[in-house]
């Protein structure tokens, strides 16, 4: 009996560490700000909390980018958009001269992979090259598909959206305090 193949996530390990480090750092900064400024008064803590929670939202969206390889789908999750491509529709996974990983479909279209965008450290470590090789190995041997659709939709990251809701709530709180 053949075992069902599990989905595999490709994500830089440094992103995970940075994501939680910056989140904790900004939350500590928010707690310090509330302790020093108080919660009432014009442009006090509510306005600062709006900025901090908005920053955490953006940071979480960027650092949660990844590639998910499953048997019937290659999913590229960037900060804003999420792409779904059949493995047989992928012509090549490569790293360009700037160190950015891209996936080229058989129709010539390219998908930018934000999880492995070029960085100075990556030019020495080579994580983008290794990720491109893993994607190439995943699609190797899959039957070429000529009739395919690259599905693009807005990426949803519930953990990130929580911070956006918190930022909006603090903005409303700041607006109420200033009126």
Protein backbone atom coordinates (compact mmCIF):
# COMPACT_ATOMS: atom_id res chain seq x y z
CA UNK A 1 0.00 0.00 0.00
CA UNK A 2 1.40 3.37 -1.03
CA UNK A 3 1.71 6.00 1.69
CA UNK A 4 0.05 9.34 1.11
CA UNK A 5 2.63 12.05 0.49
CA UNK A 6 2.51 14.90 3.00
CA UNK A 7 2.80 18.56 2.18
CA UNK A 8 6.24 20.05 2.74
CA UNK A 9 6.82 23.65 3.80
CA UNK A 10 9.88 25.52 2.61
CA UNK A 11 10.63 28.54 4.74
CA UNK A 12 13.84 30.13 5.92
CA UNK A 13 14.46 29.22 9.54
CA UNK A 14 15.78 32.71 10.19
CA UNK A 15 12.40 34.16 9.19
CA UNK A 16 10.67 32.20 11.94
CA UNK A 17 13.18 33.43 14.54
CA UNK A 18 12.98 37.04 13.31
CA UNK A 19 9.19 36.92 13.22
CA UNK A 20 8.88 36.04 16.89
CA UNK A 21 11.82 38.21 17.99
CA UNK A 22 10.36 41.35 16.40
CA UNK A 23 6.84 40.55 17.62
CA UNK A 24 8.03 40.19 21.23
CA UNK A 25 10.24 43.28 20.88
CA UNK A 26 7.39 45.45 19.62
CA UNK A 27 4.97 44.11 22.25
CA UNK A 28 7.51 44.96 24.98
CA UNK A 29 7.83 48.41 23.44
CA UNK A 30 4.02 48.75 23.49
CA UNK A 31 3.86 47.75 27.16
CA UNK A 32 6.58 50.25 28.03
CA UNK A 33 4.79 52.96 26.10
CA UNK A 34 1.47 52.35 27.86
CA UNK A 35 3.24 52.35 31.24
CA UNK A 36 4.98 55.69 30.53
CA UNK A 37 2.25 57.55 28.61
CA UNK A 38 -0.94 56.22 30.14
CA UNK A 39 -4.07 55.40 28.21
CA UNK A 40 -5.83 58.79 28.21
CA UNK A 41 -4.85 62.09 26.75
CA UNK A 42 -4.52 63.29 23.19
CA UNK A 43 -2.13 61.35 20.95
CA UNK A 44 -0.91 59.23 23.82
CA UNK A 45 -0.68 55.49 23.94
CA UNK A 46 -3.60 54.74 21.55
CA UNK A 47 -1.82 56.42 18.65
CA UNK A 48 1.48 54.72 19.48
CA UNK A 49 -0.23 51.35 19.85
CA UNK A 50 -1.80 51.83 16.43
CA UNK A 51 1.65 52.31 14.92
CA UNK A 52 3.16 49.36 16.80
CA UNK A 53 0.34 46.94 15.97
CA UNK A 54 0.43 48.07 12.33
CA UNK A 55 4.17 47.43 12.25
CA UNK A 56 3.69 43.95 13.73
CA UNK A 57 1.03 43.27 11.07
CA UNK A 58 3.40 44.21 8.23
CA UNK A 59 6.32 42.32 9.77
CA UNK A 60 4.22 39.16 10.26
CA UNK A 61 2.94 39.28 6.66
CA UNK A 62 6.43 39.55 5.22
CA UNK A 63 8.09 36.99 7.46
CA UNK A 64 5.31 34.38 7.06
CA UNK A 65 6.03 33.95 3.33
CA UNK A 66 6.75 30.35 2.30
CA UNK A 67 6.41 27.62 -0.32
CA UNK A 68 4.17 24.61 0.28
CA UNK A 69 4.79 21.54 -1.85
CA UNK A 70 1.97 19.00 -1.96
CA UNK A 71 1.44 16.15 -4.44
CA UNK A 72 -0.98 18.05 -6.68
CA UNK A 73 -0.06 21.63 -5.96
CA UNK A 74 2.85 24.02 -5.52
CA UNK A 75 1.71 26.92 -3.38
CA UNK A 76 3.75 30.13 -3.12
CA UNK A 77 2.61 32.34 -0.24
CA UNK A 78 3.92 35.90 -0.46
CA UNK A 79 2.99 38.83 1.78
CA UNK A 80 -0.10 39.83 -0.21
CA UNK A 81 -0.80 37.15 -2.82
CA UNK A 82 -0.86 33.38 -2.80
CA UNK A 83 -0.23 31.38 -5.99
CA UNK A 84 -1.29 27.80 -6.74
CA UNK A 85 0.34 25.94 -9.63
CA UNK A 86 0.14 22.31 -10.70
CA UNK A 87 3.58 20.64 -10.51
CA UNK A 88 3.38 19.63 -14.17
CA UNK A 89 2.87 23.26 -15.18
CA UNK A 90 6.22 24.34 -13.73
CA UNK A 91 8.99 24.63 -16.28
CA UNK A 92 11.80 25.75 -13.98
CA UNK A 93 12.56 26.92 -10.45
CA UNK A 94 15.63 29.13 -10.46
CA UNK A 95 17.52 31.90 -8.70
CA UNK A 96 18.14 34.99 -10.82
CA UNK A 97 21.33 37.05 -10.87
CA UNK A 98 20.06 39.20 -7.97
CA UNK A 99 19.56 36.14 -5.79
CA UNK A 100 15.74 36.13 -6.00
CA UNK A 101 14.04 32.78 -6.38
CA UNK A 102 11.43 32.57 -9.14
CA UNK A 103 9.24 29.83 -10.54
CA UNK A 104 8.68 29.85 -14.29
CA UNK A 105 5.54 28.24 -15.66
CA UNK A 106 5.37 26.49 -19.03
CA UNK A 107 3.56 29.49 -20.54
CA UNK A 108 6.51 31.75 -19.68
CA UNK A 109 4.98 33.55 -16.71
CA UNK A 110 7.11 33.94 -13.58
CA UNK A 111 6.14 33.85 -9.93
CA UNK A 112 8.35 35.75 -7.51
CA UNK A 113 9.03 33.80 -4.30
CA UNK A 114 9.33 36.35 -1.48
CA UNK A 115 10.36 33.69 1.04
CA UNK A 116 13.63 33.33 -0.85
CA UNK A 117 14.27 36.83 -2.10
CA UNK A 118 17.89 37.82 -2.43
CA UNK A 119 19.91 38.88 0.55
CA UNK A 120 23.57 39.34 1.29
CA UNK A 121 23.60 36.44 3.73
CA UNK A 122 21.89 34.14 1.23
CA UNK A 123 24.68 34.70 -1.29
CA UNK A 124 26.95 32.90 1.21
CA UNK A 125 24.49 30.42 2.72
CA UNK A 126 22.66 29.50 -0.50
CA UNK A 127 19.21 28.79 0.95
CA UNK A 128 17.46 30.10 -2.18
CA UNK A 129 19.50 27.73 -4.36
CA UNK A 130 18.64 24.80 -2.08
CA UNK A 131 14.94 25.72 -2.11
CA UNK A 132 14.94 25.96 -5.93
CA UNK A 133 16.56 22.52 -6.07
CA UNK A 134 13.88 21.08 -3.76
CA UNK A 135 11.14 22.53 -5.99
CA UNK A 136 12.87 21.16 -9.11
CA UNK A 137 13.07 17.71 -7.49
CA UNK A 138 9.40 17.93 -6.50
CA UNK A 139 8.24 18.67 -10.05
CA UNK A 140 10.70 16.29 -11.73
CA UNK A 141 8.95 13.34 -13.29
CA UNK A 142 5.52 14.96 -13.17
CA UNK A 143 3.67 14.83 -16.44
CA UNK A 144 3.89 18.14 -18.32
CA UNK A 145 0.59 19.95 -18.37
CA UNK A 146 -0.23 22.20 -21.30
CA UNK A 147 -3.69 23.29 -20.14
CA UNK A 148 -3.23 24.84 -16.71
CA UNK A 149 -4.23 27.84 -14.69
CA UNK A 150 -2.11 29.71 -12.18
CA UNK A 151 -4.56 30.59 -9.45
CA UNK A 152 -3.80 33.81 -7.59
CA UNK A 153 -5.72 34.98 -4.59
CA UNK A 154 -5.17 37.21 -1.59
CA UNK A 155 -3.13 35.49 1.08
CA UNK A 156 -4.83 35.03 4.43
CA UNK A 157 -2.75 34.88 7.56
CA UNK A 158 -4.98 34.82 10.62
CA UNK A 159 -2.11 35.56 12.99
CA UNK A 160 -1.25 38.66 10.97
CA UNK A 161 -4.87 39.76 10.66
CA UNK A 162 -5.23 39.76 14.45
CA UNK A 163 -2.61 42.52 14.60
CA UNK A 164 -4.42 44.47 11.88
CA UNK A 165 -7.66 44.31 13.88
CA UNK A 166 -5.76 45.47 16.98
CA UNK A 167 -4.27 48.39 15.01
CA UNK A 168 -7.70 49.43 13.70
CA UNK A 169 -9.19 49.18 17.21
CA UNK A 170 -6.40 51.40 18.59
CA UNK A 171 -6.91 53.89 15.76
CA UNK A 172 -10.61 54.12 16.62
CA UNK A 173 -9.67 54.50 20.30
CA UNK A 174 -7.24 57.32 19.39
CA UNK A 175 -9.91 59.03 17.28
CA UNK A 176 -12.43 58.84 20.11
CA UNK A 177 -9.89 60.25 22.60
CA UNK A 178 -9.08 63.17 20.27
CA UNK A 179 -12.67 64.22 19.66
